């Protein structure tokens, strides 16, 4: 019974830790908003559309605030990838978000 309790506490702690870590840091930039578009790094981005940053493995989305200002909000990879056996950790690789993110690859269930 003690082993079961220890196992339960360990799993619960790991789950709570992973939930906390999986909350990615919110990254955003306030940008000018002109003619219905976010002005971002020389690009004009429609509201709700995104721009991919392949160097950083991020997708930036345009969200308007008012007639003059908007935000570009980043979607990025999780900081921690949990790959319990029989899953395997697959490191991130160059490419477009989210395909460039590290991930757990698990065998398909039969």
PDB file of N, CA and C in Angstrom:
ATOM      1  N   UNK A   1       0.816  -1.187   0.000  1.00  0.00           N
ATOM      2  CA  UNK A   1       0.000   0.000   0.000  1.00  0.00           C
ATOM      3  C   UNK A   1       0.866   1.259   0.000  1.00  0.00           C
ATOM      4  N   UNK A   2       1.986   1.206   0.709  1.00  0.00           N
ATOM      5  CA  UNK A   2       2.878   2.363   0.759  1.00  0.00           C
ATOM      6  C   UNK A   2       3.462   2.656  -0.619  1.00  0.00           C
ATOM      7  N   UNK A   3       3.778   1.588  -1.369  1.00  0.00           N
ATOM      8  CA  UNK A   3       4.316   1.782  -2.720  1.00  0.00           C
ATOM      9  C   UNK A   3       3.278   2.437  -3.622  1.00  0.00           C
ATOM     10  N   UNK A   4       2.020   2.038  -3.474  1.00  0.00           N
ATOM     11  CA  UNK A   4       0.945   2.614  -4.270  1.00  0.00           C
ATOM     12  C   UNK A   4       0.788   4.096  -3.948  1.00  0.00           C
ATOM     13  N   UNK A   5       0.841   4.435  -2.659  1.00  0.00           N
ATOM     14  CA  UNK A   5       0.746   5.835  -2.243  1.00  0.00           C
ATOM     15  C   UNK A   5       1.911   6.649  -2.814  1.00  0.00           C
ATOM     16  N   UNK A   6       3.123   6.122  -2.729  1.00  0.00           N
ATOM     17  CA  UNK A   6       4.301   6.809  -3.267  1.00  0.00           C
ATOM     18  C   UNK A   6       4.163   7.012  -4.767  1.00  0.00           C
ATOM     19  N   UNK A   7       3.698   5.997  -5.460  1.00  0.00           N
ATOM     20  CA  UNK A   7       3.503   6.089  -6.906  1.00  0.00           C
ATOM     21  C   UNK A   7       2.462   7.164  -7.235  1.00  0.00           C
ATOM     22  N   UNK A   8       1.349   7.179  -6.496  1.00  0.00           N
ATOM     23  CA  UNK A   8       0.296   8.170  -6.716  1.00  0.00           C
ATOM     24  C   UNK A   8       0.822   9.585  -6.495  1.00  0.00           C
ATOM     25  N   UNK A   9       1.556   9.800  -5.417  1.00  0.00           N
ATOM     26  CA  UNK A   9       2.114  11.122  -5.121  1.00  0.00           C
ATOM     27  C   UNK A   9       3.091  11.542  -6.213  1.00  0.00           C
ATOM     28  N   UNK A  10       3.936  10.630  -6.658  1.00  0.00           N
ATOM     29  CA  UNK A  10       4.911  10.939  -7.709  1.00  0.00           C
ATOM     30  C   UNK A  10       4.213  11.319  -9.007  1.00  0.00           C
ATOM     31  N   UNK A  11       3.227  10.539  -9.410  1.00  0.00           N
ATOM     32  CA  UNK A  11       2.507  10.822 -10.661  1.00  0.00           C
ATOM     33  C   UNK A  11       1.745  12.135 -10.557  1.00  0.00           C
ATOM     34  N   UNK A  12       1.070  12.367  -9.430  1.00  0.00           N
ATOM     35  CA  UNK A  12       0.326  13.615  -9.247  1.00  0.00           C
ATOM     36  C   UNK A  12       1.260  14.814  -9.303  1.00  0.00           C
ATOM     37  N   UNK A  13       2.401  14.723  -8.642  1.00  0.00           N
ATOM     38  CA  UNK A  13       3.379  15.812  -8.668  1.00  0.00           C
ATOM     39  C   UNK A  13       3.876  16.061 -10.081  1.00  0.00           C
ATOM     40  N   UNK A  14       4.175  15.005 -10.814  1.00  0.00           N
ATOM     41  CA  UNK A  14       4.654  15.149 -12.194  1.00  0.00           C
ATOM     42  C   UNK A  14       3.600  15.811 -13.068  1.00  0.00           C
ATOM     43  N   UNK A  15       2.346  15.408 -12.918  1.00  0.00           N
ATOM     44  CA  UNK A  15       1.272  16.000 -13.721  1.00  0.00           C
ATOM     45  C   UNK A  15       1.119  17.478 -13.401  1.00  0.00           C
ATOM     46  N   UNK A  16       1.111  17.831 -12.132  1.00  0.00           N
ATOM     47  CA  UNK A  16       0.994  19.242 -11.756  1.00  0.00           C
ATOM     48  C   UNK A  16       2.176  20.044 -12.279  1.00  0.00           C
ATOM     49  N   UNK A  17       3.376  19.480 -12.220  1.00  0.00           N
ATOM     50  CA  UNK A  17       4.556  20.156 -12.743  1.00  0.00           C
ATOM     51  C   UNK A  17       4.424  20.361 -14.240  1.00  0.00           C
ATOM     52  N   UNK A  18       3.997  19.336 -14.962  1.00  0.00           N
ATOM     53  CA  UNK A  18       3.871  19.438 -16.416  1.00  0.00           C
ATOM     54  C   UNK A  18       2.803  20.442 -16.814  1.00  0.00           C
ATOM     55  N   UNK A  19       1.696  20.497 -16.087  1.00  0.00           N
ATOM     56  CA  UNK A  19       0.660  21.485 -16.384  1.00  0.00           C
ATOM     57  C   UNK A  19       1.232  22.879 -16.206  1.00  0.00           C
ATOM     58  N   UNK A  20       1.999  23.087 -15.137  1.00  0.00           N
ATOM     59  CA  UNK A  20       2.596  24.394 -14.894  1.00  0.00           C
ATOM     60  C   UNK A  20       3.604  24.753 -15.972  1.00  0.00           C
ATOM     61  N   UNK A  21       4.472  23.824 -16.341  1.00  0.00           N
ATOM     62  CA  UNK A  21       5.513  24.092 -17.325  1.00  0.00           C
ATOM     63  C   UNK A  21       4.923  24.263 -18.721  1.00  0.00           C
ATOM     64  N   UNK A  22       3.830  23.557 -19.009  1.00  0.00           N
ATOM     65  CA  UNK A  22       3.272  23.621 -20.355  1.00  0.00           C
ATOM     66  C   UNK A  22       2.639  24.969 -20.656  1.00  0.00           C
ATOM     67  N   UNK A  23       2.383  25.761 -19.641  1.00  0.00           N
ATOM     68  CA  UNK A  23       1.864  27.096 -19.881  1.00  0.00           C
ATOM     69  C   UNK A  23       3.006  27.943 -20.434  1.00  0.00           C
ATOM     70  N   UNK A  24       3.020  28.070 -21.725  1.00  0.00           N
ATOM     71  CA  UNK A  24       4.123  28.743 -22.387  1.00  0.00           C
ATOM     72  C   UNK A  24       4.118  30.221 -22.025  1.00  0.00           C
ATOM     73  N   UNK A  25       5.301  30.802 -22.008  1.00  0.00           N
ATOM     74  CA  UNK A  25       5.396  32.221 -21.765  1.00  0.00           C
ATOM     75  C   UNK A  25       4.719  32.972 -22.897  1.00  0.00           C
ATOM     76  N   UNK A  26       3.894  33.939 -22.551  1.00  0.00           N
ATOM     77  CA  UNK A  26       3.197  34.713 -23.568  1.00  0.00           C
ATOM     78  C   UNK A  26       4.145  35.761 -24.121  1.00  0.00           C
ATOM     79  N   UNK A  27       4.402  35.679 -25.395  1.00  0.00           N
ATOM     80  CA  UNK A  27       5.255  36.658 -26.054  1.00  0.00           C
ATOM     81  C   UNK A  27       4.390  37.428 -27.037  1.00  0.00           C
ATOM     82  N   UNK A  28       4.478  38.754 -26.974  1.00  0.00           N
ATOM     83  CA  UNK A  28       3.722  39.570 -27.911  1.00  0.00           C
ATOM     84  C   UNK A  28       4.452  40.885 -28.149  1.00  0.00           C
ATOM     85  N   UNK A  29       4.083  41.540 -29.217  1.00  0.00           N
ATOM     86  CA  UNK A  29       4.634  42.854 -29.538  1.00  0.00           C
ATOM     87  C   UNK A  29       3.486  43.769 -29.928  1.00  0.00           C
ATOM     88  N   UNK A  30       3.462  44.975 -29.356  1.00  0.00           N
ATOM     89  CA  UNK A  30       2.502  45.995 -29.771  1.00  0.00           C
ATOM     90  C   UNK A  30       3.032  46.571 -31.080  1.00  0.00           C
ATOM     91  N   UNK A  31       2.166  46.636 -32.087  1.00  0.00           N
ATOM     92  CA  UNK A  31       2.582  47.102 -33.415  1.00  0.00           C
ATOM     93  C   UNK A  31       1.577  48.115 -33.949  1.00  0.00           C
ATOM     94  N   UNK A  32       2.004  48.949 -34.913  1.00  0.00           N
ATOM     95  CA  UNK A  32       1.051  49.857 -35.562  1.00  0.00           C
ATOM     96  C   UNK A  32      -0.005  49.063 -36.332  1.00  0.00           C
ATOM     97  N   UNK A  33      -1.205  49.636 -36.395  1.00  0.00           N
ATOM     98  CA  UNK A  33      -2.318  49.013 -37.118  1.00  0.00           C
ATOM     99  C   UNK A  33      -2.822  50.022 -38.143  1.00  0.00           C
ATOM    100  N   UNK A  34      -2.599  49.740 -39.404  1.00  0.00           N
ATOM    101  CA  UNK A  34      -2.965  50.665 -40.478  1.00  0.00           C
ATOM    102  C   UNK A  34      -3.746  49.931 -41.557  1.00  0.00           C
ATOM    103  N   UNK A  35      -4.837  50.545 -42.003  1.00  0.00           N
ATOM    104  CA  UNK A  35      -5.659  49.980 -43.079  1.00  0.00           C
ATOM    105  C   UNK A  35      -6.070  48.533 -42.805  1.00  0.00           C
ATOM    106  N   UNK A  36      -6.387  48.248 -41.537  1.00  0.00           N
ATOM    107  CA  UNK A  36      -6.858  46.911 -41.180  1.00  0.00           C
ATOM    108  C   UNK A  36      -5.785  45.844 -41.115  1.00  0.00           C
ATOM    109  N   UNK A  37      -4.516  46.260 -41.040  1.00  0.00           N
ATOM    110  CA  UNK A  37      -3.418  45.284 -41.021  1.00  0.00           C
ATOM    111  C   UNK A  37      -2.385  45.637 -39.947  1.00  0.00           C
ATOM    112  N   UNK A  38      -1.819  44.591 -39.352  1.00  0.00           N
ATOM    113  CA  UNK A  38      -0.703  44.766 -38.421  1.00  0.00           C
ATOM    114  C   UNK A  38       0.554  45.044 -39.233  1.00  0.00           C
ATOM    115  N   UNK A  39       1.318  46.036 -38.820  1.00  0.00           N
ATOM    116  CA  UNK A  39       2.597  46.356 -39.455  1.00  0.00           C
ATOM    117  C   UNK A  39       3.677  45.672 -38.619  1.00  0.00           C
ATOM    118  N   UNK A  40       4.252  44.607 -39.162  1.00  0.00           N
ATOM    119  CA  UNK A  40       5.147  43.762 -38.366  1.00  0.00           C
ATOM    120  C   UNK A  40       6.377  43.372 -39.172  1.00  0.00           C
ATOM    121  N   UNK A  41       7.537  43.859 -38.739  1.00  0.00           N
ATOM    122  CA  UNK A  41       8.817  43.526 -39.391  1.00  0.00           C
ATOM    123  C   UNK A  41       8.772  43.712 -40.906  1.00  0.00           C
ATOM    124  N   UNK A  42       8.150  44.780 -41.338  1.00  0.00           N
ATOM    125  CA  UNK A  42       8.089  45.071 -42.768  1.00  0.00           C
ATOM    126  C   UNK A  42       6.954  44.381 -43.498  1.00  0.00           C
ATOM    127  N   UNK A  43       6.216  43.510 -42.814  1.00  0.00           N
ATOM    128  CA  UNK A  43       5.070  42.820 -43.420  1.00  0.00           C
ATOM    129  C   UNK A  43       3.770  43.491 -42.995  1.00  0.00           C
ATOM    130  N   UNK A  44       2.745  43.350 -43.824  1.00  0.00           N
ATOM    131  CA  UNK A  44       1.395  43.804 -43.498  1.00  0.00           C
ATOM    132  C   UNK A  44       0.552  42.547 -43.329  1.00  0.00           C
ATOM    133  N   UNK A  45       0.095  42.327 -42.090  1.00  0.00           N
ATOM    134  CA  UNK A  45      -0.569  41.073 -41.741  1.00  0.00           C
ATOM    135  C   UNK A  45      -2.036  41.338 -41.410  1.00  0.00           C
ATOM    136  N   UNK A  46      -2.944  40.616 -42.080  1.00  0.00           N
ATOM    137  CA  UNK A  46      -4.376  40.744 -41.805  1.00  0.00           C
ATOM    138  C   UNK A  46      -4.700  40.242 -40.402  1.00  0.00           C
ATOM    139  N   UNK A  47      -5.747  40.822 -39.793  1.00  0.00           N
ATOM    140  CA  UNK A  47      -6.218  40.367 -38.486  1.00  0.00           C
ATOM    141  C   UNK A  47      -6.576  38.880 -38.577  1.00  0.00           C
ATOM    142  N   UNK A  48      -6.097  38.111 -37.612  1.00  0.00           N
ATOM    143  CA  UNK A  48      -6.361  36.674 -37.581  1.00  0.00           C
ATOM    144  C   UNK A  48      -5.390  35.845 -38.411  1.00  0.00           C
ATOM    145  N   UNK A  49      -4.587  36.489 -39.215  1.00  0.00           N
ATOM    146  CA  UNK A  49      -3.603  35.772 -40.026  1.00  0.00           C
ATOM    147  C   UNK A  49      -2.292  35.661 -39.250  1.00  0.00           C
ATOM    148  N   UNK A  50      -1.406  34.802 -39.723  1.00  0.00           N
ATOM    149  CA  UNK A  50      -0.143  34.612 -39.017  1.00  0.00           C
ATOM    150  C   UNK A  50       1.050  34.679 -39.956  1.00  0.00           C
ATOM    151  N   UNK A  51       2.196  34.943 -39.338  1.00  0.00           N
ATOM    152  CA  UNK A  51       3.485  34.993 -40.025  1.00  0.00           C
ATOM    153  C   UNK A  51       4.382  33.987 -39.323  1.00  0.00           C
ATOM    154  N   UNK A  52       5.062  33.153 -40.082  1.00  0.00           N
ATOM    155  CA  UNK A  52       5.936  32.126 -39.504  1.00  0.00           C
ATOM    156  C   UNK A  52       7.365  32.646 -39.394  1.00  0.00           C
ATOM    157  N   UNK A  53       7.970  32.453 -38.227  1.00  0.00           N
ATOM    158  CA  UNK A  53       9.374  32.782 -37.984  1.00  0.00           C
ATOM    159  C   UNK A  53      10.120  31.452 -37.893  1.00  0.00           C
ATOM    160  N   UNK A  54      10.715  31.027 -39.008  1.00  0.00           N
ATOM    161  CA  UNK A  54      11.368  29.713 -39.044  1.00  0.00           C
ATOM    162  C   UNK A  54      12.678  29.687 -38.262  1.00  0.00           C
ATOM    163  N   UNK A  55      13.300  30.833 -38.048  1.00  0.00           N
ATOM    164  CA  UNK A  55      14.550  30.853 -37.275  1.00  0.00           C
ATOM    165  C   UNK A  55      14.293  30.544 -35.808  1.00  0.00           C
ATOM    166  N   UNK A  56      13.136  30.978 -35.289  1.00  0.00           N
ATOM    167  CA  UNK A  56      12.822  30.782 -33.872  1.00  0.00           C
ATOM    168  C   UNK A  56      11.717  29.755 -33.637  1.00  0.00           C
ATOM    169  N   UNK A  57      11.171  29.176 -34.700  1.00  0.00           N
ATOM    170  CA  UNK A  57      10.088  28.193 -34.583  1.00  0.00           C
ATOM    171  C   UNK A  57       8.890  28.801 -33.849  1.00  0.00           C
ATOM    172  N   UNK A  58       8.416  29.939 -34.381  1.00  0.00           N
ATOM    173  CA  UNK A  58       7.301  30.681 -33.795  1.00  0.00           C
ATOM    174  C   UNK A  58       6.333  31.069 -34.901  1.00  0.00           C
ATOM    175  N   UNK A  59       5.057  31.135 -34.547  1.00  0.00           N
ATOM    176  CA  UNK A  59       4.034  31.675 -35.436  1.00  0.00           C
ATOM    177  C   UNK A  59       3.462  32.922 -34.766  1.00  0.00           C
ATOM    178  N   UNK A  60       3.479  34.059 -35.462  1.00  0.00           N
ATOM    179  CA  UNK A  60       2.965  35.325 -34.941  1.00  0.00           C
ATOM    180  C   UNK A  60       1.597  35.604 -35.544  1.00  0.00           C
ATOM    181  N   UNK A  61       0.594  35.911 -34.712  1.00  0.00           N
ATOM    182  CA  UNK A  61      -0.758  36.200 -35.186  1.00  0.00           C
ATOM    183  C   UNK A  61      -1.136  37.641 -34.874  1.00  0.00           C
ATOM    184  N   UNK A  62      -1.848  38.265 -35.805  1.00  0.00           N
ATOM    185  CA  UNK A  62      -2.270  39.661 -35.681  1.00  0.00           C
ATOM    186  C   UNK A  62      -3.606  39.759 -34.945  1.00  0.00           C
ATOM    187  N   UNK A  63      -3.637  40.600 -33.896  1.00  0.00           N
ATOM    188  CA  UNK A  63      -4.858  40.870 -33.133  1.00  0.00           C
ATOM    189  C   UNK A  63      -4.981  42.383 -32.987  1.00  0.00           C
ATOM    190  N   UNK A  64      -6.092  42.960 -33.468  1.00  0.00           N
ATOM    191  CA  UNK A  64      -6.242  44.420 -33.394  1.00  0.00           C
ATOM    192  C   UNK A  64      -6.769  44.847 -32.025  1.00  0.00           C
ATOM    193  N   UNK A  65      -6.349  46.072 -31.604  1.00  0.00           N
ATOM    194  CA  UNK A  65      -6.841  46.669 -30.356  1.00  0.00           C
ATOM    195  C   UNK A  65      -7.802  47.801 -30.669  1.00  0.00           C
ATOM    196  N   UNK A  66      -7.379  48.656 -31.580  1.00  0.00           N
ATOM    197  CA  UNK A  66      -8.190  49.799 -31.987  1.00  0.00           C
ATOM    198  C   UNK A  66      -7.776  50.189 -33.403  1.00  0.00           C
ATOM    199  N   UNK A  67      -8.121  51.382 -33.835  1.00  0.00           N
ATOM    200  CA  UNK A  67      -7.834  51.771 -35.220  1.00  0.00           C
ATOM    201  C   UNK A  67      -6.361  52.086 -35.475  1.00  0.00           C
ATOM    202  N   UNK A  68      -5.549  52.178 -34.421  1.00  0.00           N
ATOM    203  CA  UNK A  68      -4.138  52.538 -34.619  1.00  0.00           C
ATOM    204  C   UNK A  68      -3.130  51.529 -34.067  1.00  0.00           C
ATOM    205  N   UNK A  69      -3.559  50.662 -33.174  1.00  0.00           N
ATOM    206  CA  UNK A  69      -2.618  49.729 -32.546  1.00  0.00           C
ATOM    207  C   UNK A  69      -3.153  48.297 -32.538  1.00  0.00           C
ATOM    208  N   UNK A  70      -2.213  47.373 -32.564  1.00  0.00           N
ATOM    209  CA  UNK A  70      -2.533  45.942 -32.548  1.00  0.00           C
ATOM    210  C   UNK A  70      -1.405  45.206 -31.835  1.00  0.00           C
ATOM    211  N   UNK A  71      -1.586  43.914 -31.683  1.00  0.00           N
ATOM    212  CA  UNK A  71      -0.536  43.062 -31.120  1.00  0.00           C
ATOM    213  C   UNK A  71      -0.258  41.924 -32.080  1.00  0.00           C
ATOM    214  N   UNK A  72       0.990  41.532 -32.118  1.00  0.00           N
ATOM    215  CA  UNK A  72       1.387  40.289 -32.768  1.00  0.00           C
ATOM    216  C   UNK A  72       1.672  39.330 -31.621  1.00  0.00           C
ATOM    217  N   UNK A  73       0.897  38.257 -31.546  1.00  0.00           N
ATOM    218  CA  UNK A  73       1.001  37.304 -30.445  1.00  0.00           C
ATOM    219  C   UNK A  73       1.671  36.031 -30.950  1.00  0.00           C
ATOM    220  N   UNK A  74       2.679  35.583 -30.200  1.00  0.00           N
ATOM    221  CA  UNK A  74       3.483  34.428 -30.617  1.00  0.00           C
ATOM    222  C   UNK A  74       2.905  33.120 -30.094  1.00  0.00           C
ATOM    223  N   UNK A  75       2.918  32.117 -30.949  1.00  0.00           N
ATOM    224  CA  UNK A  75       2.667  30.730 -30.552  1.00  0.00           C
ATOM    225  C   UNK A  75       4.004  30.020 -30.704  1.00  0.00           C
ATOM    226  N   UNK A  76       4.436  29.351 -29.634  1.00  0.00           N
ATOM    227  CA  UNK A  76       5.747  28.705 -29.680  1.00  0.00           C
ATOM    228  C   UNK A  76       5.669  27.289 -29.120  1.00  0.00           C
ATOM    229  N   UNK A  77       6.755  26.579 -29.233  1.00  0.00           N
ATOM    230  CA  UNK A  77       6.822  25.182 -28.790  1.00  0.00           C
ATOM    231  C   UNK A  77       6.784  25.090 -27.265  1.00  0.00           C
ATOM    232  N   UNK A  78       6.275  23.973 -26.737  1.00  0.00           N
ATOM    233  CA  UNK A  78       6.345  23.753 -25.294  1.00  0.00           C
ATOM    234  C   UNK A  78       7.804  23.725 -24.846  1.00  0.00           C
ATOM    235  N   UNK A  79       8.042  24.176 -23.641  1.00  0.00           N
ATOM    236  CA  UNK A  79       9.413  24.190 -23.120  1.00  0.00           C
ATOM    237  C   UNK A  79       9.857  22.812 -22.642  1.00  0.00           C
ATOM    238  N   UNK A  80       8.901  21.942 -22.378  1.00  0.00           N
ATOM    239  CA  UNK A  80       9.207  20.608 -21.880  1.00  0.00           C
ATOM    240  C   UNK A  80       8.348  19.596 -22.626  1.00  0.00           C
ATOM    241  N   UNK A  81       8.962  18.517 -23.047  1.00  0.00           N
ATOM    242  CA  UNK A  81       8.236  17.436 -23.714  1.00  0.00           C
ATOM    243  C   UNK A  81       8.406  16.179 -22.871  1.00  0.00           C
ATOM    244  N   UNK A  82       7.302  15.611 -22.443  1.00  0.00           N
ATOM    245  CA  UNK A  82       7.308  14.412 -21.610  1.00  0.00           C
ATOM    246  C   UNK A  82       7.095  13.211 -22.519  1.00  0.00           C
ATOM    247  N   UNK A  83       8.029  12.281 -22.509  1.00  0.00           N
ATOM    248  CA  UNK A  83       7.952  11.095 -23.373  1.00  0.00           C
ATOM    249  C   UNK A  83       8.144   9.833 -22.534  1.00  0.00           C
ATOM    250  N   UNK A  84       7.084   9.403 -21.823  1.00  0.00           N
ATOM    251  CA  UNK A  84       7.221   8.196 -21.003  1.00  0.00           C
ATOM    252  C   UNK A  84       7.324   6.963 -21.885  1.00  0.00           C
ATOM    253  N   UNK A  85       8.039   5.927 -21.433  1.00  0.00           N
ATOM    254  CA  UNK A  85       8.135   4.699 -22.225  1.00  0.00           C
ATOM    255  C   UNK A  85       6.739   4.159 -22.519  1.00  0.00           C
ATOM    256  N   UNK A  86       6.495   3.637 -23.666  1.00  0.00           N
ATOM    257  CA  UNK A  86       7.421   3.297 -24.744  1.00  0.00           C
ATOM    258  C   UNK A  86       7.643   4.439 -25.740  1.00  0.00           C
ATOM    259  N   UNK A  87       7.196   5.646 -25.391  1.00  0.00           N
ATOM    260  CA  UNK A  87       7.372   6.785 -26.296  1.00  0.00           C
ATOM    261  C   UNK A  87       8.838   7.185 -26.366  1.00  0.00           C
ATOM    262  N   UNK A  88       9.189   7.880 -27.439  1.00  0.00           N
ATOM    263  CA  UNK A  88      10.556   8.369 -27.611  1.00  0.00           C
ATOM    264  C   UNK A  88      10.524   9.873 -27.823  1.00  0.00           C
ATOM    265  N   UNK A  89      11.517  10.534 -27.259  1.00  0.00           N
ATOM    266  CA  UNK A  89      11.679  11.976 -27.452  1.00  0.00           C
ATOM    267  C   UNK A  89      12.255  12.232 -28.843  1.00  0.00           C
ATOM    268  N   UNK A  90      11.619  13.122 -29.595  1.00  0.00           N
ATOM    269  CA  UNK A  90      12.105  13.500 -30.924  1.00  0.00           C
ATOM    270  C   UNK A  90      12.450  14.987 -30.860  1.00  0.00           C
ATOM    271  N   UNK A  91      13.738  15.344 -31.005  1.00  0.00           N
ATOM    272  CA  UNK A  91      14.125  16.753 -30.899  1.00  0.00           C
ATOM    273  C   UNK A  91      13.521  17.592 -32.023  1.00  0.00           C
ATOM    274  N   UNK A  92      13.388  18.886 -31.735  1.00  0.00           N
ATOM    275  CA  UNK A  92      12.908  19.809 -32.756  1.00  0.00           C
ATOM    276  C   UNK A  92      13.920  19.901 -33.885  1.00  0.00           C
ATOM    277  N   UNK A  93      13.426  20.317 -35.041  1.00  0.00           N
ATOM    278  CA  UNK A  93      14.313  20.446 -36.201  1.00  0.00           C
ATOM    279  C   UNK A  93      13.901  21.689 -36.974  1.00  0.00           C
ATOM    280  N   UNK A  94      14.778  22.194 -37.827  1.00  0.00           N
ATOM    281  CA  UNK A  94      14.430  23.392 -38.590  1.00  0.00           C
ATOM    282  C   UNK A  94      13.147  23.172 -39.394  1.00  0.00           C
ATOM    283  N   UNK A  95      12.351  24.203 -39.472  1.00  0.00           N
ATOM    284  CA  UNK A  95      11.108  24.114 -40.226  1.00  0.00           C
ATOM    285  C   UNK A  95      10.109  25.149 -39.765  1.00  0.00           C
ATOM    286  N   UNK A  96       8.849  24.910 -40.083  1.00  0.00           N
ATOM    287  CA  UNK A  96       7.767  25.837 -39.787  1.00  0.00           C
ATOM    288  C   UNK A  96       6.995  25.349 -38.562  1.00  0.00           C
ATOM    289  N   UNK A  97       6.647  26.288 -37.671  1.00  0.00           N
ATOM    290  CA  UNK A  97       5.858  25.976 -36.485  1.00  0.00           C
ATOM    291  C   UNK A  97       4.527  25.362 -36.902  1.00  0.00           C
ATOM    292  N   UNK A  98       4.039  24.319 -36.276  1.00  0.00           N
ATOM    293  CA  UNK A  98       4.555  23.589 -35.119  1.00  0.00           C
ATOM    294  C   UNK A  98       5.406  22.375 -35.489  1.00  0.00           C
ATOM    295  N   UNK A  99       5.625  22.155 -36.786  1.00  0.00           N
ATOM    296  CA  UNK A  99       6.398  20.978 -37.213  1.00  0.00           C
ATOM    297  C   UNK A  99       7.840  21.001 -36.715  1.00  0.00           C
ATOM    298  N   UNK A 100       8.351  22.180 -36.370  1.00  0.00           N
ATOM    299  CA  UNK A 100       9.738  22.310 -35.915  1.00  0.00           C
ATOM    300  C   UNK A 100       9.895  22.019 -34.419  1.00  0.00           C
ATOM    301  N   UNK A 101       8.807  21.814 -33.707  1.00  0.00           N
ATOM    302  CA  UNK A 101       8.858  21.590 -32.256  1.00  0.00           C
ATOM    303  C   UNK A 101       9.305  20.170 -31.911  1.00  0.00           C
ATOM    304  N   UNK A 102       9.969  20.052 -30.754  1.00  0.00           N
ATOM    305  CA  UNK A 102      10.277  18.726 -30.206  1.00  0.00           C
ATOM    306  C   UNK A 102       8.958  18.059 -29.835  1.00  0.00           C
ATOM    307  N   UNK A 103       8.943  16.727 -29.836  1.00  0.00           N
ATOM    308  CA  UNK A 103       7.694  16.032 -29.519  1.00  0.00           C
ATOM    309  C   UNK A 103       7.981  14.633 -28.998  1.00  0.00           C
ATOM    310  N   UNK A 104       6.949  14.033 -28.443  1.00  0.00           N
ATOM    311  CA  UNK A 104       7.007  12.631 -28.033  1.00  0.00           C
ATOM    312  C   UNK A 104       6.379  11.816 -29.151  1.00  0.00           C
ATOM    313  N   UNK A 105       7.084  10.785 -29.566  1.00  0.00           N
ATOM    314  CA  UNK A 105       6.570   9.895 -30.608  1.00  0.00           C
ATOM    315  C   UNK A 105       6.274   8.549 -29.957  1.00  0.00           C
ATOM    316  N   UNK A 106       5.004   8.166 -29.993  1.00  0.00           N
ATOM    317  CA  UNK A 106       4.584   6.940 -29.320  1.00  0.00           C
ATOM    318  C   UNK A 106       4.113   5.909 -30.337  1.00  0.00           C
ATOM    319  N   UNK A 107       4.342   4.624 -30.042  1.00  0.00           N
ATOM    320  CA  UNK A 107       3.856   3.591 -30.957  1.00  0.00           C
ATOM    321  C   UNK A 107       2.331   3.623 -31.015  1.00  0.00           C
ATOM    322  N   UNK A 108       1.812   3.310 -32.182  1.00  0.00           N
ATOM    323  CA  UNK A 108       0.353   3.286 -32.349  1.00  0.00           C
ATOM    324  C   UNK A 108      -0.215   2.083 -31.621  1.00  0.00           C
ATOM    325  N   UNK A 109      -1.359   2.303 -30.965  1.00  0.00           N
ATOM    326  CA  UNK A 109      -2.029   1.205 -30.257  1.00  0.00           C
ATOM    327  C   UNK A 109      -2.714   0.317 -31.269  1.00  0.00           C
ATOM    328  N   UNK A 110      -2.692  -0.966 -31.001  1.00  0.00           N
ATOM    329  CA  UNK A 110      -3.321  -1.931 -31.923  1.00  0.00           C
ATOM    330  C   UNK A 110      -4.752  -2.153 -31.580  1.00  0.00           C
TER     331      UNK A 110
END
